[in-house]
């Protein structure tokens, strides 16, 4: 491991059209002590060949080719090969501001934080800038592990590792879950629960440093992992699995967040029920059955929950007992709001 070196891991799959912009934005970083790991996840559109060509132009680029296994498996290969003390992640169709890693590293060294993050926005294929996914702070701030977990569960925190500089040691014994979407959330909450347990055992208090401004640009295009035009993405089911994991860990580690975790669980399950195809809303769908059972078992607690709105609670009631009817009500409400 080389001190001060940032290993930027870039999983790439079928992104030949966008990869050069991504890599150039990393090459042009004002923080020069970095390596770029391009992990070709079995591309067939010429992306792999472009990776090789880019590596011949910049000795900081290392290329790895593997059979297709998904973003998590590509990132895990990058983790195994990274030489840096710090890790960064950039998706192959996104790009970053020239000073992003300099700002992140400066804050990490000054504050002593082993995780620092910056804001991100989304750009459409037409060049339109969408509103920030998560609002960055107006000024630099430190956030404890428990407070950051709360922000994530309230859907206000940014779980993406692409906006973060992370000390390699935080990934010790950890990998991204292969075959799952929203893998960043899964790994991040495991890190946070680990830090919370350490603090409760008398360890040094941990905090994340969050910087103002935007440094990371997400290129919003249909066809990427979680963005499909009509197809029901498995990300909705993976989100429910993450919610179950969180609720279990909160009960064991920080019961003071139980009501926030319950709110998160309701939101993720309502999101699933609002998107799953109606023809899949039957007893043959095991996850659907489990979600309905959970909704009914937790209805009373949901109605008492101070973090859920009246609308949330109404949806919970209807979906718990008339899920298909709830979809009809939802369509009617959407039409009414659009009129």
Protein backbone atom coordinates (compact mmCIF):
# COMPACT_ATOMS: atom_id res chain seq x y z
CA UNK A 1 0.00 0.00 0.00
CA UNK A 2 1.40 3.40 -1.01
CA UNK A 3 0.71 6.27 1.39
CA UNK A 4 -1.03 9.26 -0.15
CA UNK A 5 -1.86 7.32 -3.33
CA UNK A 6 -5.49 7.32 -4.46
CA UNK A 7 -6.64 4.24 -6.35
CA UNK A 8 -9.57 5.25 -8.57
CA UNK A 9 -11.57 2.14 -9.48
CA UNK A 10 -13.63 2.42 -12.66
CA UNK A 11 -15.89 -0.55 -13.52
CA UNK A 12 -16.74 -0.41 -17.22
CA UNK A 13 -19.26 -2.30 -19.32
CA UNK A 14 -20.48 -1.32 -22.79
CA UNK A 15 -19.53 2.36 -22.34
CA UNK A 16 -17.21 2.90 -25.29
CA UNK A 17 -19.06 6.09 -26.25
CA UNK A 18 -18.52 7.69 -22.83
CA UNK A 19 -15.35 6.15 -21.44
CA UNK A 20 -12.82 8.63 -22.86
CA UNK A 21 -14.61 11.56 -21.21
CA UNK A 22 -14.65 9.68 -17.91
CA UNK A 23 -10.96 8.73 -18.00
CA UNK A 24 -9.80 12.16 -19.19
CA UNK A 25 -11.59 13.77 -16.25
CA UNK A 26 -9.61 11.54 -13.87
CA UNK A 27 -6.31 12.07 -15.70
CA UNK A 28 -6.74 15.85 -15.41
CA UNK A 29 -7.07 15.82 -11.63
CA UNK A 30 -5.07 18.51 -9.89
CA UNK A 31 -4.15 15.83 -7.33
CA UNK A 32 -1.60 13.85 -9.30
CA UNK A 33 -0.69 10.98 -6.97
CA UNK A 34 -3.28 8.53 -8.20
CA UNK A 35 -3.68 5.36 -10.20
CA UNK A 36 -6.63 4.53 -12.45
CA UNK A 37 -7.92 0.96 -12.45
CA UNK A 38 -10.14 0.22 -15.45
CA UNK A 39 -12.01 -3.05 -14.89
CA UNK A 40 -13.63 -4.24 -18.11
CA UNK A 41 -16.58 -6.40 -17.10
CA UNK A 42 -16.78 -8.47 -20.28
CA UNK A 43 -17.72 -5.68 -22.70
CA UNK A 44 -18.42 -6.63 -26.33
CA UNK A 45 -18.74 -3.15 -27.88
CA UNK A 46 -15.04 -2.28 -28.03
CA UNK A 47 -14.86 -0.86 -24.51
CA UNK A 48 -12.13 -3.32 -23.54
CA UNK A 49 -9.97 -2.38 -26.50
CA UNK A 50 -10.42 1.32 -25.68
CA UNK A 51 -9.28 0.62 -22.10
CA UNK A 52 -6.08 -0.92 -23.47
CA UNK A 53 -5.51 2.04 -25.79
CA UNK A 54 -6.00 4.55 -22.97
CA UNK A 55 -3.54 2.65 -20.77
CA UNK A 56 -0.84 2.98 -23.42
CA UNK A 57 -1.20 6.77 -23.22
CA UNK A 58 -0.93 7.08 -19.42
CA UNK A 59 1.23 4.86 -17.24
CA UNK A 60 -1.04 5.52 -14.26
CA UNK A 61 -3.77 3.43 -15.91
CA UNK A 62 -3.96 -0.31 -15.23
CA UNK A 63 -6.50 -2.44 -17.10
CA UNK A 64 -8.15 -5.68 -16.01
CA UNK A 65 -10.40 -7.80 -18.22
CA UNK A 66 -12.88 -10.25 -16.73
CA UNK A 67 -16.01 -12.17 -17.62
CA UNK A 68 -19.25 -10.28 -17.12
CA UNK A 69 -20.33 -10.43 -13.50
CA UNK A 70 -21.81 -7.04 -12.72
CA UNK A 71 -20.60 -3.81 -11.18
CA UNK A 72 -19.96 -5.31 -7.75
CA UNK A 73 -17.70 -8.07 -9.07
CA UNK A 74 -15.78 -5.53 -11.17
CA UNK A 75 -15.32 -3.24 -8.16
CA UNK A 76 -14.22 -6.18 -6.03
CA UNK A 77 -11.50 -7.01 -8.55
CA UNK A 78 -10.41 -3.38 -8.36
CA UNK A 79 -10.31 -3.55 -4.56
CA UNK A 80 -8.09 -6.62 -4.73
CA UNK A 81 -5.66 -4.91 -7.13
CA UNK A 82 -5.61 -1.38 -5.66
CA UNK A 83 -2.28 -0.16 -4.29
CA UNK A 84 -3.46 3.11 -2.75
CA UNK A 85 -3.97 4.21 0.84
CA UNK A 86 -7.22 5.81 -0.32
CA UNK A 87 -9.92 4.61 -2.69
CA UNK A 88 -12.19 6.44 -5.09
CA UNK A 89 -14.85 5.11 -7.45
CA UNK A 90 -16.08 6.53 -10.75
CA UNK A 91 -18.61 4.87 -13.05
CA UNK A 92 -17.48 4.52 -16.64
CA UNK A 93 -20.13 6.82 -18.12
CA UNK A 94 -19.77 9.58 -15.49
CA UNK A 95 -17.09 12.27 -15.06
CA UNK A 96 -15.63 14.45 -12.31
CA UNK A 97 -14.47 18.01 -11.72
CA UNK A 98 -10.68 18.59 -12.09
CA UNK A 99 -10.16 19.46 -8.41
CA UNK A 100 -12.46 16.84 -6.87
CA UNK A 101 -9.81 14.53 -5.46
CA UNK A 102 -7.58 17.41 -4.39
CA UNK A 103 -10.43 18.88 -2.35
CA UNK A 104 -11.33 15.51 -0.88
CA UNK A 105 -7.74 14.64 0.03
CA UNK A 106 -7.05 18.06 1.53
CA UNK A 107 -10.12 17.72 3.74
CA UNK A 108 -9.18 14.17 4.72
CA UNK A 109 -5.68 15.18 5.81
CA UNK A 110 -6.83 18.33 7.58
CA UNK A 111 -9.75 16.77 9.46
CA UNK A 112 -8.28 13.32 10.00
CA UNK A 113 -11.44 11.77 8.53
CA UNK A 114 -11.11 8.42 6.78
CA UNK A 115 -14.17 9.17 4.64
CA UNK A 116 -14.89 12.48 2.87
CA UNK A 117 -17.65 13.24 0.42
CA UNK A 118 -18.71 15.95 -2.03
CA UNK A 119 -21.94 16.74 -3.87
CA UNK A 120 -23.11 15.32 -7.21
CA UNK A 121 -25.61 16.22 -9.89
CA UNK A 122 -27.16 14.46 -12.89
CA UNK A 123 -26.84 15.33 -16.55
CA UNK A 124 -29.24 14.09 -19.21
CA UNK A 125 -28.26 12.97 -22.69
CA UNK A 126 -29.46 16.40 -23.89
CA UNK A 127 -27.03 18.17 -21.55
CA UNK A 128 -29.69 19.29 -19.09
CA UNK A 129 -28.58 19.56 -15.47
CA UNK A 130 -30.99 17.90 -13.09
CA UNK A 131 -31.34 19.02 -9.46
CA UNK A 132 -28.76 17.62 -7.00
CA UNK A 133 -29.54 14.08 -5.92
CA UNK A 134 -28.67 14.95 -2.33
CA UNK A 135 -28.17 18.52 -1.24
CA UNK A 136 -24.57 19.20 -0.19
CA UNK A 137 -24.00 21.39 2.89
CA UNK A 138 -23.52 25.14 2.56
CA UNK A 139 -20.19 24.78 4.38
CA UNK A 140 -17.93 21.92 5.39
CA UNK A 141 -19.33 19.78 8.17
CA UNK A 142 -18.48 16.70 10.18
CA UNK A 143 -21.14 14.02 10.63
CA UNK A 144 -20.99 11.22 13.18
CA UNK A 145 -21.60 7.62 12.11
CA UNK A 146 -25.00 7.53 13.82
CA UNK A 147 -26.11 10.89 12.40
CA UNK A 148 -25.02 9.87 8.90
CA UNK A 149 -26.92 6.61 9.23
CA UNK A 150 -29.98 8.59 10.26
CA UNK A 151 -29.61 10.82 7.19
CA UNK A 152 -29.42 7.77 4.93
CA UNK A 153 -32.53 6.25 6.48
CA UNK A 154 -34.38 9.55 6.08
CA UNK A 155 -33.43 9.53 2.36
CA UNK A 156 -31.37 12.69 2.78
CA UNK A 157 -27.85 11.23 2.83
CA UNK A 158 -25.74 10.24 -0.15
CA UNK A 159 -24.85 6.54 -0.10
CA UNK A 160 -22.80 6.57 -3.32
CA UNK A 161 -19.12 5.73 -3.03
CA UNK A 162 -18.55 7.68 -6.25
CA UNK A 163 -18.76 10.97 -4.33
CA UNK A 164 -16.36 9.80 -1.62
CA UNK A 165 -12.70 9.39 -0.84
CA UNK A 166 -12.36 6.42 1.49
CA UNK A 167 -9.37 5.16 3.43
CA UNK A 168 -8.55 1.66 2.28
CA UNK A 169 -8.69 0.27 5.82
CA UNK A 170 -12.47 0.81 5.92
CA UNK A 171 -12.82 -1.91 3.26
CA UNK A 172 -10.85 -4.49 5.24
CA UNK A 173 -12.88 -7.70 5.17
CA UNK A 174 -15.58 -6.16 2.97
CA UNK A 175 -16.69 -6.60 -0.61
CA UNK A 176 -19.57 -5.32 -2.67
CA UNK A 177 -22.43 -7.86 -2.82
CA UNK A 178 -22.27 -9.58 -6.20
CA UNK A 179 -25.58 -9.81 -8.05
CA UNK A 180 -27.24 -7.03 -6.04
CA UNK A 181 -28.11 -3.47 -6.97
CA UNK A 182 -27.83 -0.52 -4.58
CA UNK A 183 -24.65 -2.21 -3.46
CA UNK A 184 -23.16 1.06 -2.20
CA UNK A 185 -25.85 1.40 0.44
CA UNK A 186 -25.29 -2.15 1.66
CA UNK A 187 -21.53 -1.71 2.12
CA UNK A 188 -21.80 1.79 3.56
CA UNK A 189 -24.30 0.88 6.28
CA UNK A 190 -22.15 -2.10 7.25
CA UNK A 191 -19.22 0.31 7.68
CA UNK A 192 -21.34 2.70 9.74
CA UNK A 193 -22.67 -0.01 12.04
CA UNK A 194 -19.09 -1.20 12.55
CA UNK A 195 -18.02 2.32 13.54
CA UNK A 196 -21.01 2.70 15.88
CA UNK A 197 -20.18 -0.58 17.62
CA UNK A 198 -16.54 0.48 17.97
CA UNK A 199 -17.56 3.76 19.61
CA UNK A 200 -19.91 2.00 22.03
CA UNK A 201 -17.02 -0.30 22.97
CA UNK A 202 -14.91 2.73 23.88
CA UNK A 203 -13.24 3.35 20.53
CA UNK A 204 -12.34 6.72 19.06
CA UNK A 205 -15.41 8.67 17.84
CA UNK A 206 -15.74 8.48 14.04
CA UNK A 207 -17.01 11.13 11.65
CA UNK A 208 -17.43 11.70 7.93
CA UNK A 209 -16.46 15.08 6.47
CA UNK A 210 -18.94 16.50 3.93
CA UNK A 211 -17.86 19.28 1.57
CA UNK A 212 -19.98 21.97 -0.10
CA UNK A 213 -20.35 22.12 -3.86
CA UNK A 214 -20.58 19.55 -6.62
CA UNK A 215 -17.61 17.51 -7.82
CA UNK A 216 -19.18 14.44 -9.42
CA UNK A 217 -21.41 14.36 -12.51
CA UNK A 218 -23.75 11.42 -13.08
CA UNK A 219 -24.63 10.86 -16.72
CA UNK A 220 -28.26 9.83 -16.71
CA UNK A 221 -28.95 7.38 -19.51
CA UNK A 222 -31.49 4.65 -19.98
CA UNK A 223 -29.96 1.21 -20.04
CA UNK A 224 -27.63 1.64 -17.07
CA UNK A 225 -28.02 -0.69 -14.10
CA UNK A 226 -30.92 0.95 -12.30
CA UNK A 227 -32.43 2.93 -15.18
CA UNK A 228 -34.75 1.15 -17.53
CA UNK A 229 -37.61 2.65 -19.41
CA UNK A 230 -40.37 0.14 -18.64
CA UNK A 231 -38.77 -2.97 -17.18
CA UNK A 232 -39.27 -3.64 -13.48
CA UNK A 233 -35.77 -3.43 -12.02
CA UNK A 234 -34.62 -5.82 -9.33
CA UNK A 235 -33.28 -2.76 -7.48
CA UNK A 236 -36.70 -2.44 -5.82
CA UNK A 237 -36.37 -5.89 -4.30
CA UNK A 238 -32.74 -5.28 -3.32
CA UNK A 239 -33.82 -2.07 -1.58
CA UNK A 240 -36.30 -4.07 0.49
CA UNK A 241 -33.57 -6.54 1.43
CA UNK A 242 -31.37 -3.63 2.55
CA UNK A 243 -34.23 -2.25 4.63
CA UNK A 244 -34.61 -5.61 6.39
CA UNK A 245 -30.87 -5.70 7.08
CA UNK A 246 -30.94 -2.18 8.51
CA UNK A 247 -33.89 -2.88 10.77
CA UNK A 248 -32.16 -5.97 12.15
CA UNK A 249 -28.86 -4.16 12.78
CA UNK A 250 -30.55 -1.11 14.31
CA UNK A 251 -32.34 -3.37 16.78
CA UNK A 252 -29.00 -4.86 17.85
CA UNK A 253 -26.76 -1.80 17.69
CA UNK A 254 -28.65 1.49 18.05
CA UNK A 255 -32.27 1.01 19.15
CA UNK A 256 -32.67 4.79 19.37
CA UNK A 257 -33.03 4.71 15.56
CA UNK A 258 -35.81 2.10 15.52
CA UNK A 259 -38.54 4.51 14.43
CA UNK A 260 -36.32 5.95 11.68
CA UNK A 261 -35.49 2.41 10.50
CA UNK A 262 -39.19 1.52 10.48
CA UNK A 263 -39.92 4.58 8.35
CA UNK A 264 -37.18 3.48 5.95
CA UNK A 265 -38.66 -0.01 5.78
CA UNK A 266 -42.12 1.33 4.99
CA UNK A 267 -40.78 3.61 2.25
CA UNK A 268 -38.77 0.88 0.55
CA UNK A 269 -41.68 -1.56 0.60
CA UNK A 270 -44.16 1.02 -0.66
CA UNK A 271 -41.71 1.82 -3.46
CA UNK A 272 -41.64 -1.86 -4.40
CA UNK A 273 -45.44 -2.19 -4.28
CA UNK A 274 -45.89 0.93 -6.41
CA UNK A 275 -43.63 -0.41 -9.17
CA UNK A 276 -43.96 -4.19 -9.24
CA UNK A 277 -46.05 -5.27 -12.29
CA UNK A 278 -49.62 -6.04 -11.25
CA UNK A 279 -49.35 -9.50 -12.80
CA UNK A 280 -46.53 -10.24 -10.32
CA UNK A 281 -48.70 -9.31 -7.35
CA UNK A 282 -49.69 -12.88 -6.52
CA UNK A 283 -48.76 -15.70 -4.16
CA UNK A 284 -46.22 -17.14 -6.60
CA UNK A 285 -43.99 -14.13 -5.91
CA UNK A 286 -42.22 -15.00 -2.64
CA UNK A 287 -40.84 -11.53 -2.01
CA UNK A 288 -44.24 -9.97 -2.65
CA UNK A 289 -45.79 -12.32 -0.07
CA UNK A 290 -43.09 -11.43 2.47
CA UNK A 291 -43.61 -7.71 1.89
CA UNK A 292 -47.38 -7.95 2.42
CA UNK A 293 -46.85 -9.96 5.62
CA UNK A 294 -44.38 -7.33 6.88
CA UNK A 295 -46.77 -4.48 6.02
CA UNK A 296 -49.54 -6.11 8.05
CA UNK A 297 -47.31 -7.00 10.99
CA UNK A 298 -45.90 -3.48 11.23
CA UNK A 299 -49.06 -1.50 10.50
CA UNK A 300 -49.78 -0.50 14.10
CA UNK A 301 -46.21 0.72 14.64
CA UNK A 302 -46.35 2.58 11.34
CA UNK A 303 -49.48 4.46 12.37
CA UNK A 304 -47.70 5.64 15.52
CA UNK A 305 -44.50 6.56 13.70
CA UNK A 306 -43.71 10.31 13.89
CA UNK A 307 -41.57 10.24 10.72
CA UNK A 308 -44.33 9.02 8.41
CA UNK A 309 -46.83 11.44 6.88
CA UNK A 310 -50.58 10.92 6.80
CA UNK A 311 -50.28 10.03 3.13
CA UNK A 312 -47.60 7.42 3.93
CA UNK A 313 -49.85 5.87 6.57
CA UNK A 314 -52.87 5.87 4.26
CA UNK A 315 -50.88 4.09 1.57
CA UNK A 316 -49.64 1.62 4.17
CA UNK A 317 -53.20 0.78 5.26
CA UNK A 318 -54.49 0.30 1.71
CA UNK A 319 -51.50 -1.70 0.48
CA UNK A 320 -51.57 -3.94 3.55
CA UNK A 321 -55.08 -5.18 2.78
CA UNK A 322 -55.95 -4.18 -0.80
CA UNK A 323 -52.63 -3.99 -2.68
CA UNK A 324 -54.07 -4.11 -6.19
CA UNK A 325 -56.77 -1.63 -5.21
CA UNK A 326 -54.04 0.63 -3.84
CA UNK A 327 -52.43 0.70 -7.27
CA UNK A 328 -55.73 1.91 -8.75
CA UNK A 329 -55.97 4.62 -6.07
CA UNK A 330 -52.39 5.66 -6.79
CA UNK A 331 -53.07 6.00 -10.53
CA UNK A 332 -56.18 8.04 -9.78
CA UNK A 333 -54.25 10.36 -7.44
CA UNK A 334 -51.49 10.82 -10.04
CA UNK A 335 -54.03 11.72 -12.72
CA UNK A 336 -55.69 14.16 -10.37
CA UNK A 337 -52.42 15.90 -9.50
CA UNK A 338 -51.49 16.14 -13.20
CA UNK A 339 -54.82 17.67 -14.20
